[in-house]
Amino acid sequence: MKYVDEVIQDARRIAILGHVKPDGDCVGSCLALYHYIQDNYPEVQVKVYLGEFAEDFLRVLPDAGEISHSLSDEAACDLCFSLDASDPERLGEYVRYLNGAKRTVCIDHHITNEGFAQINRIDPKAAATAELLFLLMEFEKISKRTADCLYAGIVHDTGVFKHSNTTRRTMEAAGALLERGVRSNVIINDTFYHKSFVQNKILGKALMNATLELSEGCIFSALYEREIKEAGGTNLDLEGIIDQLRVTDGVRCAVFIHETGENVYKVSLRGNSEMDVSRIAGRFGGGGHVKAAGCTIPGSQSEVKEKLLDAIAESWRKG
């Protein structure tokens, strides 16, 4: 598959899916493909199915409000795209659309993705799924609204082009999208740097809870569900906490966990220098990238912390 057009042109009903707890790359990629299909194949019925995400995307990205957050009665479709999800389980309840589709396509950049669709385009060297999707679109068919969404995806997964995953190809893709009239300042400021008062309160609490572990090589922070609620927030207000922890001077990795249910914790990992945090996440059934990964671990907060620190210490001993 050189271009996504090869599979789109033969379909009449298309579903687009992304991973649970959608981030900027996931939302941006899904909306970009949605607009690309609408702009160039108006006869095709297309729908995006995603879990709830930050309101910033609703305010900035075109037609983000059109994304469905619930299952419809009709699951059958000619074609289903899975974007930015490393395995079918990451699609959550919307995996039913993948299972019911006549043809399936997976487009992703996670190193742990082994390819679960009929057609797979997986490139761990891509900084974002949006970058890979850009390469799979015919440039002259990319509208301004499609470009906005692709640019948002790239911005979020590169930390505004400052992470080590940013390459020449990434910058060339971003430059080409700017030629389409992308609202760069709006997308960067309003979806990446913008923080509500509640988000800042939760970030402050996470920083207050942080400790240096493993001879100060790892910074660790945790939030109970009640702490998030007491600040007036939800799990959608945790974006950016792990990245703020990661920039702490002298640490090799950052770990942020938050309670999602009784004795269940969502784990976010970020690595500096040579550390591959995807291996840590993989030990607990998760995955991701070399420098950014995640997983879910059952247990009390202290038990989860101990398991993670033991795994990190072991990885350091093995080199």
Protein backbone atom coordinates (compact mmCIF):
# COMPACT_ATOMS: atom_id res chain seq x y z
CA MET A 1 0.00 0.00 0.00
CA LYS A 2 1.76 3.12 -1.24
CA TYR A 3 -1.15 5.43 -0.46
CA VAL A 4 -4.27 4.96 1.69
CA ASP A 5 -6.27 5.81 -1.45
CA GLU A 6 -5.65 2.28 -2.71
CA VAL A 7 -7.93 0.81 -0.06
CA ILE A 8 -10.30 3.77 0.42
CA GLN A 9 -11.52 3.89 -3.17
CA ASP A 10 -12.98 0.38 -2.96
CA ALA A 11 -14.89 0.99 0.29
CA ARG A 12 -18.33 2.41 1.00
CA ARG A 13 -18.43 2.33 4.82
CA ILE A 14 -15.27 3.08 6.79
CA ALA A 15 -14.54 3.05 10.53
CA ILE A 16 -11.49 4.78 11.99
CA LEU A 17 -10.26 3.70 15.42
CA GLY A 18 -7.52 4.80 17.82
CA HIS A 19 -6.22 3.70 21.19
CA VAL A 20 -7.91 4.11 24.56
CA LYS A 21 -7.19 7.38 26.38
CA PRO A 22 -6.45 9.15 23.06
CA ASP A 23 -3.54 11.58 23.00
CA GLY A 24 -2.69 14.29 20.50
CA ASP A 25 -1.18 11.95 17.91
CA CYS A 26 -4.13 9.58 18.13
CA VAL A 27 -6.83 12.27 17.88
CA GLY A 28 -4.92 14.18 15.20
CA SER A 29 -4.28 11.12 13.05
CA CYS A 30 -7.86 9.88 13.25
CA LEU A 31 -9.32 13.28 12.38
CA ALA A 32 -6.78 13.79 9.58
CA LEU A 33 -7.80 10.54 7.89
CA TYR A 34 -11.46 11.39 8.45
CA HIS A 35 -11.08 14.74 6.65
CA TYR A 36 -8.92 13.23 3.89
CA ILE A 37 -11.69 10.74 3.11
CA GLN A 38 -14.46 13.35 3.33
CA ASP A 39 -12.59 15.79 1.08
CA ASN A 40 -11.65 13.32 -1.63
CA TYR A 41 -14.28 10.56 -1.40
CA PRO A 42 -17.57 12.31 -0.52
CA GLU A 43 -19.58 9.23 -1.50
CA VAL A 44 -17.95 7.18 1.27
CA GLN A 45 -19.53 6.97 4.74
CA VAL A 46 -16.82 7.43 7.37
CA LYS A 47 -16.95 7.55 11.17
CA VAL A 48 -14.32 7.95 13.89
CA TYR A 49 -14.73 6.05 17.17
CA LEU A 50 -12.61 7.12 20.15
CA GLY A 51 -12.81 7.37 23.91
CA GLU A 52 -13.11 10.75 25.63
CA PHE A 53 -10.17 13.14 25.22
CA ALA A 54 -9.05 16.59 26.32
CA GLU A 55 -11.38 19.49 25.51
CA ASP A 56 -8.46 21.42 23.99
CA PHE A 57 -8.71 19.24 20.88
CA LEU A 58 -12.46 19.93 20.65
CA ARG A 59 -11.79 23.67 20.59
CA VAL A 60 -8.98 23.60 18.06
CA LEU A 61 -9.13 20.62 15.69
CA PRO A 62 -11.74 20.77 12.90
CA ASP A 63 -14.83 18.64 13.55
CA ALA A 64 -13.43 17.00 16.67
CA GLY A 65 -16.98 17.13 17.98
CA GLU A 66 -18.06 14.73 15.24
CA ILE A 67 -16.08 11.87 16.79
CA SER A 68 -18.33 9.19 18.29
CA HIS A 69 -17.69 8.16 21.87
CA SER A 70 -20.25 5.33 21.91
CA LEU A 71 -20.90 2.11 20.04
CA SER A 72 -23.55 2.14 17.35
CA ASP A 73 -25.83 -0.80 16.62
CA GLU A 74 -24.19 -1.37 13.25
CA ALA A 75 -20.65 -2.71 13.50
CA ALA A 76 -20.19 -4.04 9.97
CA CYS A 77 -18.06 -1.92 7.62
CA ASP A 78 -16.17 -2.43 4.39
CA LEU A 79 -12.93 -1.09 5.80
CA CYS A 80 -11.55 -0.38 9.27
CA PHE A 81 -8.43 1.66 10.01
CA SER A 82 -6.61 1.27 13.31
CA LEU A 83 -4.34 4.26 13.98
CA ASP A 84 -1.70 4.69 16.68
CA ALA A 85 -2.68 1.48 18.54
CA SER A 86 0.03 -1.09 19.23
CA ASP A 87 -2.34 -4.05 19.57
CA PRO A 88 -6.09 -4.82 19.29
CA GLU A 89 -6.63 -4.59 23.06
CA ARG A 90 -5.58 -0.94 22.91
CA LEU A 91 -8.68 -0.24 20.83
CA GLY A 92 -10.92 -0.95 23.82
CA GLU A 93 -14.56 -1.69 23.15
CA TYR A 94 -14.30 -0.32 19.61
CA VAL A 95 -12.32 -3.40 18.55
CA ARG A 96 -15.70 -4.80 17.46
CA TYR A 97 -15.44 -2.62 14.34
CA LEU A 98 -12.05 -4.09 13.51
CA ASN A 99 -13.31 -7.63 14.05
CA GLY A 100 -16.38 -7.04 11.91
CA ALA A 101 -14.68 -5.34 8.97
CA LYS A 102 -14.16 -6.97 5.60
CA ARG A 103 -10.74 -5.32 5.26
CA THR A 104 -8.48 -3.98 8.00
CA VAL A 105 -5.52 -1.60 7.96
CA CYS A 106 -3.14 -0.82 10.82
CA ILE A 107 -1.01 2.33 10.66
CA ASP A 108 1.25 2.81 13.66
CA HIS A 109 4.74 3.72 14.88
CA HIS A 110 4.99 1.76 18.14
CA ILE A 111 8.00 -0.55 18.24
CA THR A 112 5.95 -3.21 20.04
CA ASN A 113 3.34 -3.46 17.26
CA GLU A 114 3.64 -6.87 15.57
CA GLY A 115 0.96 -6.16 12.95
CA PHE A 116 -2.57 -7.36 13.61
CA ALA A 117 -4.45 -6.19 10.51
CA GLN A 118 -4.64 -7.53 6.97
CA ILE A 119 -2.58 -4.57 5.79
CA ASN A 120 0.05 -3.18 8.17
CA ARG A 121 2.17 -0.07 7.82
CA ILE A 122 4.29 0.11 10.96
CA ASP A 123 7.37 2.30 11.17
CA PRO A 124 8.99 2.71 14.62
CA LYS A 125 11.33 5.33 13.11
CA ALA A 126 8.38 7.66 12.51
CA ALA A 127 8.09 10.27 15.24
CA ALA A 128 4.31 10.01 15.17
CA THR A 129 1.58 8.04 13.49
CA ALA A 130 0.57 11.38 11.96
CA GLU A 131 3.97 11.59 10.28
CA LEU A 132 3.56 8.11 8.80
CA LEU A 133 0.00 8.89 7.74
CA PHE A 134 1.22 12.04 5.98
CA LEU A 135 3.54 9.89 3.87
CA LEU A 136 0.62 7.62 2.98
CA MET A 137 -1.53 10.50 1.69
CA GLU A 138 -1.23 12.08 -1.73
CA PHE A 139 0.07 15.54 -0.91
CA GLU A 140 -2.07 17.42 -3.42
CA LYS A 141 -5.16 15.89 -1.78
CA ILE A 142 -4.32 17.18 1.72
CA SER A 143 -6.64 20.05 2.65
CA LYS A 144 -5.96 22.70 5.28
CA ARG A 145 -8.14 20.94 7.85
CA THR A 146 -6.39 17.62 7.22
CA ALA A 147 -3.04 19.40 7.53
CA ASP A 148 -4.06 20.97 10.87
CA CYS A 149 -4.81 17.54 12.31
CA LEU A 150 -1.63 15.91 10.99
CA TYR A 151 0.45 18.77 12.35
CA ALA A 152 -1.20 18.45 15.77
CA GLY A 153 -0.32 14.76 15.89
CA ILE A 154 3.31 15.41 15.04
CA VAL A 155 3.57 18.31 17.50
CA HIS A 156 2.27 16.23 20.40
CA ASP A 157 4.39 13.13 19.88
CA THR A 158 7.57 15.13 19.39
CA GLY A 159 6.97 17.53 22.29
CA VAL A 160 6.93 20.41 19.78
CA PHE A 161 9.92 18.95 17.90
CA LYS A 162 12.20 18.72 20.94
CA HIS A 163 12.16 14.95 21.61
CA SER A 164 14.90 12.72 20.23
CA ASN A 165 12.41 11.01 17.88
CA THR A 166 12.34 14.17 15.73
CA THR A 167 14.17 13.55 12.46
CA ARG A 168 14.79 15.35 9.20
CA ARG A 169 11.80 13.51 7.76
CA THR A 170 9.65 14.78 10.64
CA MET A 171 10.67 18.38 10.01
CA GLU A 172 10.16 18.03 6.27
CA ALA A 173 6.65 16.70 6.85
CA ALA A 174 5.87 19.56 9.24
CA GLY A 175 7.26 22.09 6.75
CA ALA A 176 5.13 20.70 3.94
CA LEU A 177 2.04 20.92 6.16
CA LEU A 178 2.81 24.57 6.93
CA GLU A 179 2.56 25.20 3.18
CA ARG A 180 -1.06 24.05 3.45
CA GLY A 181 -1.78 26.94 5.83
CA VAL A 182 -1.53 25.11 9.17
CA ARG A 183 -2.35 27.28 12.19
CA SER A 184 0.92 26.42 13.88
CA ASN A 185 0.75 28.89 16.78
CA VAL A 186 -2.86 28.01 17.61
CA ILE A 187 -2.25 24.25 17.53
CA ILE A 188 0.94 24.44 19.61
CA ASN A 189 -0.27 26.95 22.19
CA ASP A 190 -3.88 25.83 22.58
CA THR A 191 -3.45 22.04 22.49
CA PHE A 192 0.06 21.48 23.85
CA TYR A 193 1.01 24.30 26.21
CA HIS A 194 -2.47 25.36 27.29
CA LYS A 195 -3.37 24.20 30.81
CA SER A 196 -6.57 24.85 32.73
CA PHE A 197 -6.51 25.93 36.36
CA VAL A 198 -7.60 22.41 37.37
CA GLN A 199 -4.82 20.82 35.31
CA ASN A 200 -2.27 23.09 36.96
CA LYS A 201 -3.59 22.15 40.42
CA ILE A 202 -3.26 18.44 39.59
CA LEU A 203 0.21 18.96 38.12
CA GLY A 204 1.22 20.77 41.31
CA LYS A 205 -0.06 17.89 43.43
CA ALA A 206 1.84 15.36 41.31
CA LEU A 207 5.04 17.39 41.68
CA MET A 208 4.54 17.65 45.44
CA ASN A 209 4.12 13.86 45.60
CA ALA A 210 7.28 13.21 43.58
CA THR A 211 10.30 11.45 45.06
CA LEU A 212 13.76 10.62 43.76
CA GLU A 213 14.46 6.89 43.75
CA LEU A 214 17.26 4.50 42.80
CA SER A 215 20.11 6.76 43.89
CA GLU A 216 18.25 9.75 42.41
CA GLY A 217 18.31 8.23 38.93
CA CYS A 218 14.52 7.89 38.75
CA ILE A 219 11.81 10.40 39.61
CA PHE A 220 8.54 8.80 40.71
CA SER A 221 5.12 10.31 41.36
CA ALA A 222 1.66 8.89 42.03
CA LEU A 223 -1.88 10.17 42.40
CA TYR A 224 -4.84 8.50 44.03
CA GLU A 225 -8.18 8.81 42.26
CA ARG A 226 -9.52 10.87 45.17
CA GLU A 227 -6.70 13.40 44.79
CA ILE A 228 -7.65 14.00 41.16
CA LYS A 229 -11.33 14.40 42.09
CA GLU A 230 -10.53 16.71 45.00
CA ALA A 231 -8.84 19.06 42.53
CA GLY A 232 -12.00 19.02 40.43
CA GLY A 233 -10.44 16.99 37.62
CA THR A 234 -10.63 13.67 35.84
CA ASN A 235 -8.12 11.34 34.20
CA LEU A 236 -8.36 13.59 31.13
CA ASP A 237 -6.53 16.31 33.07
CA LEU A 238 -3.26 14.42 33.52
CA GLU A 239 -1.68 15.23 30.16
CA GLY A 240 1.83 16.64 30.49
CA ILE A 241 2.59 15.48 34.03
CA ILE A 242 5.01 12.75 32.98
CA ASP A 243 6.85 15.09 30.62
CA GLN A 244 7.28 17.66 33.36
CA LEU A 245 8.75 14.97 35.60
CA ARG A 246 11.07 13.80 32.83
CA VAL A 247 12.90 17.13 32.52
CA THR A 248 14.13 16.92 36.12
CA ASP A 249 17.88 17.46 36.10
CA GLY A 250 19.99 14.31 36.47
CA VAL A 251 17.29 11.62 36.22
CA ARG A 252 17.55 8.70 33.81
CA CYS A 253 13.80 8.03 33.77
CA ALA A 254 10.48 9.32 35.04
CA VAL A 255 7.52 7.28 36.28
CA PHE A 256 4.00 8.57 36.88
CA ILE A 257 1.18 6.33 38.05
CA HIS A 258 -2.44 7.19 38.75
CA GLU A 259 -5.27 5.15 40.18
CA THR A 260 -7.96 4.22 37.65
CA GLY A 261 -9.93 1.85 39.89
CA GLU A 262 -9.62 0.04 43.18
CA ASN A 263 -6.06 -1.29 43.28
CA VAL A 264 -5.47 -0.62 39.57
CA TYR A 265 -2.87 1.88 38.29
CA LYS A 266 -2.15 3.33 34.88
CA VAL A 267 1.60 3.73 34.42
CA SER A 268 3.42 6.26 32.24
CA LEU A 269 7.16 5.92 31.65
CA ARG A 270 9.64 8.31 30.06
CA GLY A 271 13.32 7.64 29.51
CA ASN A 272 16.35 9.87 29.14
CA SER A 273 19.76 8.97 27.71
CA GLU A 274 20.06 5.34 26.66
CA MET A 275 17.18 3.83 28.64
CA ASP A 276 14.51 1.83 26.75
CA VAL A 277 11.33 2.16 28.80
CA SER A 278 9.28 0.07 26.34
CA ARG A 279 11.00 -3.00 27.79
CA ILE A 280 9.85 -2.06 31.28
CA ALA A 281 6.27 -1.57 30.10
CA GLY A 282 6.44 -4.82 28.15
CA ARG A 283 7.14 -6.78 31.33
CA PHE A 284 3.72 -5.74 32.60
CA GLY A 285 1.79 -6.32 29.38
CA GLY A 286 2.15 -2.77 28.07
CA GLY A 287 4.24 -1.23 25.32
CA GLY A 288 5.16 1.92 23.49
CA HIS A 289 8.37 3.53 22.32
CA VAL A 290 11.99 3.46 23.46
CA LYS A 291 11.61 6.81 25.25
CA ALA A 292 7.89 6.75 26.06
CA ALA A 293 5.77 3.79 27.12
CA GLY A 294 2.95 2.73 29.40
CA CYS A 295 1.08 -0.14 31.00
CA THR A 296 -1.53 -0.98 33.62
CA ILE A 297 -0.60 -2.80 36.85
CA PRO A 298 -2.93 -4.13 39.54
CA GLY A 299 -2.05 -3.74 43.21
CA SER A 300 -1.78 -1.12 45.93
CA GLN A 301 0.17 2.06 45.22
CA SER A 302 3.15 0.82 47.22
CA GLU A 303 3.08 -2.59 45.51
CA VAL A 304 2.97 -1.05 42.04
CA LYS A 305 5.80 1.32 42.92
CA GLU A 306 7.94 -1.54 44.21
CA LYS A 307 7.34 -3.65 41.11
CA LEU A 308 8.28 -0.80 38.78
CA LEU A 309 11.39 0.25 40.66
CA ASP A 310 12.57 -3.36 40.87
CA ALA A 311 12.10 -3.74 37.11
CA ILE A 312 13.96 -0.50 36.38
CA ALA A 313 16.81 -1.38 38.72
CA GLU A 314 17.14 -4.80 37.09
CA SER A 315 17.25 -3.26 33.61
CA TRP A 316 20.04 -0.94 34.75
CA ARG A 317 22.04 -3.81 36.21
CA LYS A 318 21.80 -5.70 32.92
CA GLY A 319 22.86 -2.63 31.03
